[in-house]
């Protein structure tokens, strides 16, 4: 076959390059248009080598290499159709082995297409896996952010007066939530220079050993910062839990409700809660009147 097709190398190379350029849109960005003529020449060189030796391994290797460089499967199929048309158009009628040799050209192109298709499928699989991982990470990040927002909304830290903060807890208190609460409360205490922090557990339905330990750790952390910890809203069952766990509450004021806690905190600031009436005499304690 090389005898009658050798003179057609230049024509076949031009046809292959034109087919690649016509289908350049199907290639990936790693294969710029100015390299398409070189790629076409590589394909033609390997074609004649295959016709001489019949060795498929170099063909498969070339297909993998071209796939890695960015040659698209549809672009290669366009080249294959163009080459076969050119070969058939130039097949001499007096060559008895002609059809067999055309079949070998088709075998070569099939091997090349299979190699590029295999690489493309592998690349698609990798991209799919990467997209799946990225989606899972995005979902996890979104869920974490959503949990953070929910926790912040469900545990607002409210300043009720200068240097006095109130943290009302509502719902179940587990280790993760307790850690976040402690972190947020300590941050607010430092930023606002709070001298008293009131933790209201009226809305906590039940307190197990984990919740008790978390409360005590939070109170101790406040104490280390020089902030006076106050626990209010302790229910009878919560009190029993504290007793059963042998919680060390020395230095932690425990009061019945939030109102008594606020009164206690105001008095520590030298304030007295009182109703409307004559203004205090000179030198008397300052008054704190709620609006």
C-alpha atoms as a PDB file:
ATOM      1  CA  UNK A   1       0.000   0.000   0.000  1.00  0.00           C
ATOM      2  CA  UNK A   2       2.855   2.335   0.672  1.00  0.00           C
ATOM      3  CA  UNK A   3       3.779   2.137  -3.017  1.00  0.00           C
ATOM      4  CA  UNK A   4       0.614   3.781  -4.268  1.00  0.00           C
ATOM      5  CA  UNK A   5      -0.214   5.987  -1.263  1.00  0.00           C
ATOM      6  CA  UNK A   6       3.241   7.349  -0.507  1.00  0.00           C
ATOM      7  CA  UNK A   7       2.955  10.146  -3.102  1.00  0.00           C
ATOM      8  CA  UNK A   8      -0.303  11.224  -1.441  1.00  0.00           C
ATOM      9  CA  UNK A   9       1.208  11.984   1.969  1.00  0.00           C
ATOM     10  CA  UNK A  10       1.146  15.747   1.485  1.00  0.00           C
ATOM     11  CA  UNK A  11      -2.444  15.735   0.258  1.00  0.00           C
ATOM     12  CA  UNK A  12      -3.546  13.524   3.160  1.00  0.00           C
ATOM     13  CA  UNK A  13      -1.708  15.742   5.663  1.00  0.00           C
ATOM     14  CA  UNK A  14      -3.475  18.858   4.323  1.00  0.00           C
ATOM     15  CA  UNK A  15      -6.832  17.106   4.441  1.00  0.00           C
ATOM     16  CA  UNK A  16      -6.215  15.930   8.032  1.00  0.00           C
ATOM     17  CA  UNK A  17      -5.126  19.415   9.151  1.00  0.00           C
ATOM     18  CA  UNK A  18      -8.194  21.014   7.545  1.00  0.00           C
ATOM     19  CA  UNK A  19     -10.498  18.506   9.228  1.00  0.00           C
ATOM     20  CA  UNK A  20      -8.932  19.256  12.620  1.00  0.00           C
ATOM     21  CA  UNK A  21      -9.239  23.011  12.093  1.00  0.00           C
ATOM     22  CA  UNK A  22     -12.866  22.660  10.988  1.00  0.00           C
ATOM     23  CA  UNK A  23     -13.567  20.775  14.225  1.00  0.00           C
ATOM     24  CA  UNK A  24     -11.289  22.829  16.498  1.00  0.00           C
ATOM     25  CA  UNK A  25     -14.269  23.832  18.624  1.00  0.00           C
ATOM     26  CA  UNK A  26     -14.441  20.258  19.946  1.00  0.00           C
ATOM     27  CA  UNK A  27     -10.879  20.364  21.296  1.00  0.00           C
ATOM     28  CA  UNK A  28      -9.989  21.446  24.813  1.00  0.00           C
ATOM     29  CA  UNK A  29      -8.099  24.637  25.561  1.00  0.00           C
ATOM     30  CA  UNK A  30      -4.828  22.747  26.065  1.00  0.00           C
ATOM     31  CA  UNK A  31      -4.584  22.216  22.292  1.00  0.00           C
ATOM     32  CA  UNK A  32      -4.324  25.628  20.551  1.00  0.00           C
ATOM     33  CA  UNK A  33      -5.299  25.909  16.855  1.00  0.00           C
ATOM     34  CA  UNK A  34      -1.736  26.678  15.696  1.00  0.00           C
ATOM     35  CA  UNK A  35      -0.680  23.154  16.754  1.00  0.00           C
ATOM     36  CA  UNK A  36      -3.327  21.336  14.703  1.00  0.00           C
ATOM     37  CA  UNK A  37      -1.121  20.999  11.609  1.00  0.00           C
ATOM     38  CA  UNK A  38       1.559  19.379  13.767  1.00  0.00           C
ATOM     39  CA  UNK A  39      -1.006  16.999  15.283  1.00  0.00           C
ATOM     40  CA  UNK A  40      -2.258  16.060  11.815  1.00  0.00           C
ATOM     41  CA  UNK A  41       1.305  15.291  10.743  1.00  0.00           C
ATOM     42  CA  UNK A  42       1.822  13.099  13.821  1.00  0.00           C
ATOM     43  CA  UNK A  43      -1.306  11.132  12.968  1.00  0.00           C
ATOM     44  CA  UNK A  44      -0.185  10.659   9.354  1.00  0.00           C
ATOM     45  CA  UNK A  45       3.332   9.597  10.363  1.00  0.00           C
ATOM     46  CA  UNK A  46       1.974   7.008  12.768  1.00  0.00           C
ATOM     47  CA  UNK A  47      -0.496   5.792  10.092  1.00  0.00           C
ATOM     48  CA  UNK A  48       2.319   4.931   7.688  1.00  0.00           C
ATOM     49  CA  UNK A  49       4.279   3.325  10.507  1.00  0.00           C
ATOM     50  CA  UNK A  50       1.268   1.164  11.338  1.00  0.00           C
ATOM     51  CA  UNK A  51       0.823   0.181   7.695  1.00  0.00           C
ATOM     52  CA  UNK A  52       4.444  -0.965   7.657  1.00  0.00           C
ATOM     53  CA  UNK A  53       4.536  -2.844  10.969  1.00  0.00           C
ATOM     54  CA  UNK A  54       0.945  -3.501  12.066  1.00  0.00           C
ATOM     55  CA  UNK A  55       1.994  -2.681  15.668  1.00  0.00           C
ATOM     56  CA  UNK A  56      -1.005  -1.324  17.610  1.00  0.00           C
ATOM     57  CA  UNK A  57       0.866  -0.280  20.785  1.00  0.00           C
ATOM     58  CA  UNK A  58       2.339   2.955  19.345  1.00  0.00           C
ATOM     59  CA  UNK A  59      -1.096   3.876  17.966  1.00  0.00           C
ATOM     60  CA  UNK A  60      -2.747   3.507  21.379  1.00  0.00           C
ATOM     61  CA  UNK A  61       0.085   5.464  22.976  1.00  0.00           C
ATOM     62  CA  UNK A  62      -0.358   8.278  20.451  1.00  0.00           C
ATOM     63  CA  UNK A  63      -4.109   8.340  21.106  1.00  0.00           C
ATOM     64  CA  UNK A  64      -3.570   8.663  24.863  1.00  0.00           C
ATOM     65  CA  UNK A  65      -1.000  11.414  24.310  1.00  0.00           C
ATOM     66  CA  UNK A  66      -3.256  13.373  21.964  1.00  0.00           C
ATOM     67  CA  UNK A  67      -6.160  12.983  24.391  1.00  0.00           C
ATOM     68  CA  UNK A  68      -4.006  14.396  27.199  1.00  0.00           C
ATOM     69  CA  UNK A  69      -3.002  17.318  24.990  1.00  0.00           C
ATOM     70  CA  UNK A  70      -6.652  18.191  24.427  1.00  0.00           C
ATOM     71  CA  UNK A  71      -7.651  16.536  21.128  1.00  0.00           C
ATOM     72  CA  UNK A  72     -11.423  16.052  21.221  1.00  0.00           C
ATOM     73  CA  UNK A  73     -13.089  12.818  20.179  1.00  0.00           C
ATOM     74  CA  UNK A  74     -15.441  14.552  17.747  1.00  0.00           C
ATOM     75  CA  UNK A  75     -12.510  16.371  16.139  1.00  0.00           C
ATOM     76  CA  UNK A  76     -10.698  13.053  15.642  1.00  0.00           C
ATOM     77  CA  UNK A  77     -13.816  11.459  14.148  1.00  0.00           C
ATOM     78  CA  UNK A  78     -14.008  14.330  11.648  1.00  0.00           C
ATOM     79  CA  UNK A  79     -10.374  13.707  10.706  1.00  0.00           C
ATOM     80  CA  UNK A  80     -11.037   9.968  10.324  1.00  0.00           C
ATOM     81  CA  UNK A  81     -13.902  10.524   7.903  1.00  0.00           C
ATOM     82  CA  UNK A  82     -11.823  12.961   5.841  1.00  0.00           C
ATOM     83  CA  UNK A  83      -8.851  10.576   5.622  1.00  0.00           C
ATOM     84  CA  UNK A  84     -10.974   7.612   4.593  1.00  0.00           C
ATOM     85  CA  UNK A  85     -12.623   9.672   1.850  1.00  0.00           C
ATOM     86  CA  UNK A  86      -9.219  10.765   0.544  1.00  0.00           C
ATOM     87  CA  UNK A  87      -7.820   7.204   0.639  1.00  0.00           C
ATOM     88  CA  UNK A  88     -10.848   5.737  -1.147  1.00  0.00           C
ATOM     89  CA  UNK A  89     -10.735   8.498  -3.771  1.00  0.00           C
ATOM     90  CA  UNK A  90      -7.111   7.685  -4.562  1.00  0.00           C
ATOM     91  CA  UNK A  91      -7.368   3.889  -4.481  1.00  0.00           C
ATOM     92  CA  UNK A  92      -6.155   2.590  -7.841  1.00  0.00           C
ATOM     93  CA  UNK A  93      -8.553   0.269  -9.579  1.00  0.00           C
ATOM     94  CA  UNK A  94      -5.838  -2.196 -10.590  1.00  0.00           C
ATOM     95  CA  UNK A  95      -4.635  -2.834  -7.002  1.00  0.00           C
ATOM     96  CA  UNK A  96      -6.144  -6.219  -5.973  1.00  0.00           C
ATOM     97  CA  UNK A  97      -5.074  -5.766  -2.377  1.00  0.00           C
ATOM     98  CA  UNK A  98      -6.548  -2.227  -2.262  1.00  0.00           C
ATOM     99  CA  UNK A  99      -9.658  -2.933  -0.202  1.00  0.00           C
ATOM    100  CA  UNK A 100      -7.643  -4.890   2.351  1.00  0.00           C
ATOM    101  CA  UNK A 101      -5.237  -2.001   2.677  1.00  0.00           C
ATOM    102  CA  UNK A 102      -8.104   0.485   3.088  1.00  0.00           C
ATOM    103  CA  UNK A 103      -9.372  -1.792   5.868  1.00  0.00           C
ATOM    104  CA  UNK A 104      -5.991  -1.465   7.579  1.00  0.00           C
ATOM    105  CA  UNK A 105      -6.293   2.336   7.401  1.00  0.00           C
ATOM    106  CA  UNK A 106      -9.698   1.963   9.018  1.00  0.00           C
ATOM    107  CA  UNK A 107      -8.181  -0.329  11.698  1.00  0.00           C
ATOM    108  CA  UNK A 108      -5.588   2.325  12.462  1.00  0.00           C
ATOM    109  CA  UNK A 109      -8.167   5.068  12.792  1.00  0.00           C
ATOM    110  CA  UNK A 110     -10.347   2.834  14.972  1.00  0.00           C
ATOM    111  CA  UNK A 111      -7.445   2.170  17.345  1.00  0.00           C
ATOM    112  CA  UNK A 112      -6.678   5.878  17.530  1.00  0.00           C
ATOM    113  CA  UNK A 113     -10.321   6.796  18.194  1.00  0.00           C
ATOM    114  CA  UNK A 114     -10.626   4.101  20.872  1.00  0.00           C
ATOM    115  CA  UNK A 115      -7.533   5.420  22.676  1.00  0.00           C
ATOM    116  CA  UNK A 116      -8.782   9.026  22.661  1.00  0.00           C
ATOM    117  CA  UNK A 117     -12.264   7.879  23.725  1.00  0.00           C
ATOM    118  CA  UNK A 118     -10.775   5.907  26.632  1.00  0.00           C
ATOM    119  CA  UNK A 119      -8.809   8.932  27.796  1.00  0.00           C
ATOM    120  CA  UNK A 120     -11.843  11.185  27.409  1.00  0.00           C
ATOM    121  CA  UNK A 121     -14.032   8.811  29.419  1.00  0.00           C
ATOM    122  CA  UNK A 122     -11.369   8.627  32.103  1.00  0.00           C
ATOM    123  CA  UNK A 123     -11.096  12.428  32.207  1.00  0.00           C
ATOM    124  CA  UNK A 124     -14.878  12.743  32.418  1.00  0.00           C
ATOM    125  CA  UNK A 125     -14.885  10.273  35.300  1.00  0.00           C
ATOM    126  CA  UNK A 126     -12.227  12.264  37.146  1.00  0.00           C
ATOM    127  CA  UNK A 127     -14.104  15.506  36.541  1.00  0.00           C
ATOM    128  CA  UNK A 128     -17.332  13.887  37.740  1.00  0.00           C
ATOM    129  CA  UNK A 129     -15.644  12.684  40.914  1.00  0.00           C
ATOM    130  CA  UNK A 130     -14.085  16.099  41.515  1.00  0.00           C
ATOM    131  CA  UNK A 131     -17.431  17.815  40.970  1.00  0.00           C
ATOM    132  CA  UNK A 132     -19.101  15.360  43.337  1.00  0.00           C
ATOM    133  CA  UNK A 133     -16.477  16.021  46.009  1.00  0.00           C
ATOM    134  CA  UNK A 134     -16.770  19.771  45.495  1.00  0.00           C
ATOM    135  CA  UNK A 135     -20.560  19.528  45.771  1.00  0.00           C
ATOM    136  CA  UNK A 136     -20.313  17.471  48.934  1.00  0.00           C
ATOM    137  CA  UNK A 137     -17.858  19.951  50.441  1.00  0.00           C
ATOM    138  CA  UNK A 138     -20.153  22.848  49.513  1.00  0.00           C
ATOM    139  CA  UNK A 139     -23.132  21.083  51.098  1.00  0.00           C
ATOM    140  CA  UNK A 140     -21.157  20.319  54.247  1.00  0.00           C
ATOM    141  CA  UNK A 141     -19.916  23.902  54.487  1.00  0.00           C
ATOM    142  CA  UNK A 142     -23.431  25.167  53.949  1.00  0.00           C
ATOM    143  CA  UNK A 143     -24.789  22.850  56.620  1.00  0.00           C
ATOM    144  CA  UNK A 144     -22.092  23.955  59.070  1.00  0.00           C
ATOM    145  CA  UNK A 145     -22.836  27.595  58.340  1.00  0.00           C
ATOM    146  CA  UNK A 146     -26.558  26.964  58.727  1.00  0.00           C
ATOM    147  CA  UNK A 147     -26.001  25.216  62.051  1.00  0.00           C
ATOM    148  CA  UNK A 148     -23.824  28.099  63.179  1.00  0.00           C
ATOM    149  CA  UNK A 149     -26.497  30.654  62.279  1.00  0.00           C
ATOM    150  CA  UNK A 150     -29.205  28.580  63.967  1.00  0.00           C
ATOM    151  CA  UNK A 151     -27.100  28.259  67.100  1.00  0.00           C
ATOM    152  CA  UNK A 152     -26.422  31.972  67.144  1.00  0.00           C
ATOM    153  CA  UNK A 153     -30.093  32.771  66.681  1.00  0.00           C
ATOM    154  CA  UNK A 154     -31.149  30.231  69.283  1.00  0.00           C
ATOM    155  CA  UNK A 155     -28.624  31.488  71.870  1.00  0.00           C
ATOM    156  CA  UNK A 156     -28.605  35.288  71.663  1.00  0.00           C
ATOM    157  CA  UNK A 157     -26.323  37.080  74.076  1.00  0.00           C
ATOM    158  CA  UNK A 158     -28.109  40.201  75.287  1.00  0.00           C
ATOM    159  CA  UNK A 159     -26.569  43.161  77.098  1.00  0.00           C
ATOM    160  CA  UNK A 160     -29.111  44.361  79.698  1.00  0.00           C
ATOM    161  CA  UNK A 161     -26.861  47.069  81.138  1.00  0.00           C
ATOM    162  CA  UNK A 162     -23.291  48.249  81.026  1.00  0.00           C
ATOM    163  CA  UNK A 163     -21.047  45.300  81.920  1.00  0.00           C
ATOM    164  CA  UNK A 164     -24.009  42.895  82.337  1.00  0.00           C
ATOM    165  CA  UNK A 165     -24.819  40.162  79.796  1.00  0.00           C
ATOM    166  CA  UNK A 166     -27.676  37.662  79.722  1.00  0.00           C
ATOM    167  CA  UNK A 167     -27.495  34.345  77.858  1.00  0.00           C
ATOM    168  CA  UNK A 168     -30.919  32.655  77.624  1.00  0.00           C
ATOM    169  CA  UNK A 169     -30.614  28.972  76.711  1.00  0.00           C
ATOM    170  CA  UNK A 170     -33.482  27.209  74.963  1.00  0.00           C
ATOM    171  CA  UNK A 171     -33.606  23.559  73.939  1.00  0.00           C
ATOM    172  CA  UNK A 172     -31.315  20.607  74.444  1.00  0.00           C
ATOM    173  CA  UNK A 173     -27.786  21.335  75.547  1.00  0.00           C
ATOM    174  CA  UNK A 174     -25.227  18.920  74.074  1.00  0.00           C
ATOM    175  CA  UNK A 175     -21.432  18.992  73.931  1.00  0.00           C
ATOM    176  CA  UNK A 176     -21.162  20.679  70.519  1.00  0.00           C
ATOM    177  CA  UNK A 177     -23.687  23.364  71.339  1.00  0.00           C
ATOM    178  CA  UNK A 178     -22.170  23.930  74.784  1.00  0.00           C
ATOM    179  CA  UNK A 179     -18.743  24.463  73.229  1.00  0.00           C
ATOM    180  CA  UNK A 180     -20.123  27.015  70.769  1.00  0.00           C
ATOM    181  CA  UNK A 181     -22.060  28.778  73.518  1.00  0.00           C
ATOM    182  CA  UNK A 182     -18.974  29.006  75.708  1.00  0.00           C
ATOM    183  CA  UNK A 183     -16.903  30.369  72.831  1.00  0.00           C
ATOM    184  CA  UNK A 184     -19.512  32.998  71.902  1.00  0.00           C
ATOM    185  CA  UNK A 185     -20.124  34.027  75.494  1.00  0.00           C
ATOM    186  CA  UNK A 186     -16.446  34.412  76.330  1.00  0.00           C
ATOM    187  CA  UNK A 187     -15.904  36.458  73.176  1.00  0.00           C
ATOM    188  CA  UNK A 188     -18.777  38.778  74.076  1.00  0.00           C
ATOM    189  CA  UNK A 189     -17.567  39.063  77.658  1.00  0.00           C
ATOM    190  CA  UNK A 190     -14.123  40.192  76.506  1.00  0.00           C
ATOM    191  CA  UNK A 191     -15.461  42.577  73.845  1.00  0.00           C
ATOM    192  CA  UNK A 192     -17.998  44.224  76.179  1.00  0.00           C
ATOM    193  CA  UNK A 193     -15.817  44.007  79.291  1.00  0.00           C
ATOM    194  CA  UNK A 194     -18.704  42.397  81.129  1.00  0.00           C
ATOM    195  CA  UNK A 195     -18.406  42.050  84.864  1.00  0.00           C
ATOM    196  CA  UNK A 196     -21.462  39.798  85.287  1.00  0.00           C
ATOM    197  CA  UNK A 197     -22.794  37.083  82.961  1.00  0.00           C
ATOM    198  CA  UNK A 198     -26.232  35.621  83.664  1.00  0.00           C
ATOM    199  CA  UNK A 199     -26.926  32.173  82.163  1.00  0.00           C
ATOM    200  CA  UNK A 200     -30.655  31.501  82.070  1.00  0.00           C
ATOM    201  CA  UNK A 201     -31.464  27.783  81.736  1.00  0.00           C
ATOM    202  CA  UNK A 202     -35.231  28.144  82.129  1.00  0.00           C
ATOM    203  CA  UNK A 203     -35.730  26.952  78.551  1.00  0.00           C
ATOM    204  CA  UNK A 204     -33.531  23.859  78.876  1.00  0.00           C
ATOM    205  CA  UNK A 205     -35.999  20.937  79.191  1.00  0.00           C
ATOM    206  CA  UNK A 206     -33.631  18.513  80.870  1.00  0.00           C
ATOM    207  CA  UNK A 207     -30.038  18.411  82.009  1.00  0.00           C
ATOM    208  CA  UNK A 208     -27.938  15.292  81.885  1.00  0.00           C
ATOM    209  CA  UNK A 209     -24.390  14.839  83.098  1.00  0.00           C
ATOM    210  CA  UNK A 210     -23.016  16.275  79.862  1.00  0.00           C
ATOM    211  CA  UNK A 211     -25.096  19.446  80.128  1.00  0.00           C
ATOM    212  CA  UNK A 212     -24.241  19.894  83.812  1.00  0.00           C
ATOM    213  CA  UNK A 213     -20.526  19.558  83.119  1.00  0.00           C
ATOM    214  CA  UNK A 214     -20.833  22.050  80.230  1.00  0.00           C
ATOM    215  CA  UNK A 215     -22.532  24.626  82.453  1.00  0.00           C
ATOM    216  CA  UNK A 216     -19.921  24.269  85.154  1.00  0.00           C
ATOM    217  CA  UNK A 217     -17.081  24.591  82.605  1.00  0.00           C
ATOM    218  CA  UNK A 218     -18.646  27.736  81.168  1.00  0.00           C
ATOM    219  CA  UNK A 219     -19.068  29.264  84.627  1.00  0.00           C
ATOM    220  CA  UNK A 220     -15.466  28.424  85.532  1.00  0.00           C
ATOM    221  CA  UNK A 221     -14.211  29.965  82.282  1.00  0.00           C
ATOM    222  CA  UNK A 222     -16.120  33.161  83.065  1.00  0.00           C
ATOM    223  CA  UNK A 223     -14.647  33.194  86.561  1.00  0.00           C
ATOM    224  CA  UNK A 224     -11.132  32.907  85.129  1.00  0.00           C
ATOM    225  CA  UNK A 225     -11.792  35.997  83.017  1.00  0.00           C
ATOM    226  CA  UNK A 226     -12.840  37.917  86.111  1.00  0.00           C
ATOM    227  CA  UNK A 227     -16.531  37.842  85.198  1.00  0.00           C
ATOM    228  CA  UNK A 228     -19.086  36.985  87.870  1.00  0.00           C
ATOM    229  CA  UNK A 229     -21.148  33.939  86.710  1.00  0.00           C
ATOM    230  CA  UNK A 230     -24.832  33.681  87.676  1.00  0.00           C
ATOM    231  CA  UNK A 231     -27.091  30.691  86.938  1.00  0.00           C
ATOM    232  CA  UNK A 232     -30.825  31.309  86.925  1.00  0.00           C
ATOM    233  CA  UNK A 233     -33.918  29.285  86.110  1.00  0.00           C
ATOM    234  CA  UNK A 234     -32.656  26.045  87.637  1.00  0.00           C
ATOM    235  CA  UNK A 235     -35.597  23.623  87.732  1.00  0.00           C
ATOM    236  CA  UNK A 236     -35.954  21.041  90.512  1.00  0.00           C
ATOM    237  CA  UNK A 237     -34.858  18.218  88.205  1.00  0.00           C
ATOM    238  CA  UNK A 238     -31.888  20.297  87.081  1.00  0.00           C
ATOM    239  CA  UNK A 239     -30.975  20.982  90.683  1.00  0.00           C
ATOM    240  CA  UNK A 240     -31.081  17.259  91.380  1.00  0.00           C
ATOM    241  CA  UNK A 241     -28.841  16.639  88.392  1.00  0.00           C
ATOM    242  CA  UNK A 242     -26.349  19.179  89.672  1.00  0.00           C
ATOM    243  CA  UNK A 243     -26.420  17.517  93.083  1.00  0.00           C
ATOM    244  CA  UNK A 244     -26.184  13.993  91.690  1.00  0.00           C
ATOM    245  CA  UNK A 245     -23.196  14.952  89.548  1.00  0.00           C
ATOM    246  CA  UNK A 246     -21.510  16.575  92.524  1.00  0.00           C
ATOM    247  CA  UNK A 247     -21.075  19.759  90.518  1.00  0.00           C
ATOM    248  CA  UNK A 248     -18.690  22.131  92.211  1.00  0.00           C
ATOM    249  CA  UNK A 249     -20.659  25.402  92.309  1.00  0.00           C
ATOM    250  CA  UNK A 250     -18.543  27.338  94.747  1.00  0.00           C
ATOM    251  CA  UNK A 251     -18.292  30.931  93.553  1.00  0.00           C
ATOM    252  CA  UNK A 252     -21.271  30.521  91.180  1.00  0.00           C
ATOM    253  CA  UNK A 253     -24.455  32.321  92.246  1.00  0.00           C
ATOM    254  CA  UNK A 254     -27.598  30.255  91.623  1.00  0.00           C
ATOM    255  CA  UNK A 255     -30.916  32.131  91.659  1.00  0.00           C
ATOM    256  CA  UNK A 256     -34.512  31.225  90.967  1.00  0.00           C
ATOM    257  CA  UNK A 257     -35.275  33.271  87.863  1.00  0.00           C
ATOM    258  CA  UNK A 258     -33.961  35.834  85.423  1.00  0.00           C
ATOM    259  CA  UNK A 259     -35.500  38.758  87.269  1.00  0.00           C
ATOM    260  CA  UNK A 260     -33.657  37.939  90.488  1.00  0.00           C
ATOM    261  CA  UNK A 261     -30.469  37.437  88.475  1.00  0.00           C
ATOM    262  CA  UNK A 262     -30.725  40.876  86.872  1.00  0.00           C
ATOM    263  CA  UNK A 263     -31.454  42.487  90.250  1.00  0.00           C
ATOM    264  CA  UNK A 264     -28.416  40.743  91.707  1.00  0.00           C
ATOM    265  CA  UNK A 265     -26.199  41.894  88.827  1.00  0.00           C
ATOM    266  CA  UNK A 266     -27.419  45.495  89.059  1.00  0.00           C
ATOM    267  CA  UNK A 267     -26.740  45.608  92.775  1.00  0.00           C
ATOM    268  CA  UNK A 268     -23.192  44.434  92.128  1.00  0.00           C
ATOM    269  CA  UNK A 269     -22.873  47.487  89.900  1.00  0.00           C
ATOM    270  CA  UNK A 270     -24.161  49.739  92.694  1.00  0.00           C
ATOM    271  CA  UNK A 271     -27.605  50.072  91.146  1.00  0.00           C
ATOM    272  CA  UNK A 272     -31.023  49.557  92.697  1.00  0.00           C
ATOM    273  CA  UNK A 273     -34.165  48.611  90.805  1.00  0.00           C
ATOM    274  CA  UNK A 274     -37.033  50.813  91.945  1.00  0.00           C
ATOM    275  CA  UNK A 275     -40.338  52.182  90.725  1.00  0.00           C
ATOM    276  CA  UNK A 276     -41.218  55.765  89.955  1.00  0.00           C
ATOM    277  CA  UNK A 277     -40.919  58.098  92.889  1.00  0.00           C
ATOM    278  CA  UNK A 278     -38.874  61.015  94.197  1.00  0.00           C
ATOM    279  CA  UNK A 279     -35.312  61.190  92.946  1.00  0.00           C
ATOM    280  CA  UNK A 280     -32.699  59.659  95.203  1.00  0.00           C
ATOM    281  CA  UNK A 281     -30.994  61.929  97.716  1.00  0.00           C
ATOM    282  CA  UNK A 282     -27.465  63.078  97.155  1.00  0.00           C
ATOM    283  CA  UNK A 283     -24.996  60.310  97.921  1.00  0.00           C
ATOM    284  CA  UNK A 284     -27.605  57.536  97.651  1.00  0.00           C
ATOM    285  CA  UNK A 285     -27.139  54.526  95.354  1.00  0.00           C
ATOM    286  CA  UNK A 286     -27.987  55.116  91.721  1.00  0.00           C
ATOM    287  CA  UNK A 287     -31.269  53.725  90.413  1.00  0.00           C
ATOM    288  CA  UNK A 288     -31.891  51.630  87.350  1.00  0.00           C
ATOM    289  CA  UNK A 289     -35.378  52.033  85.900  1.00  0.00           C
ATOM    290  CA  UNK A 290     -36.512  49.823  83.089  1.00  0.00           C
ATOM    291  CA  UNK A 291     -38.275  51.482  80.223  1.00  0.00           C
END
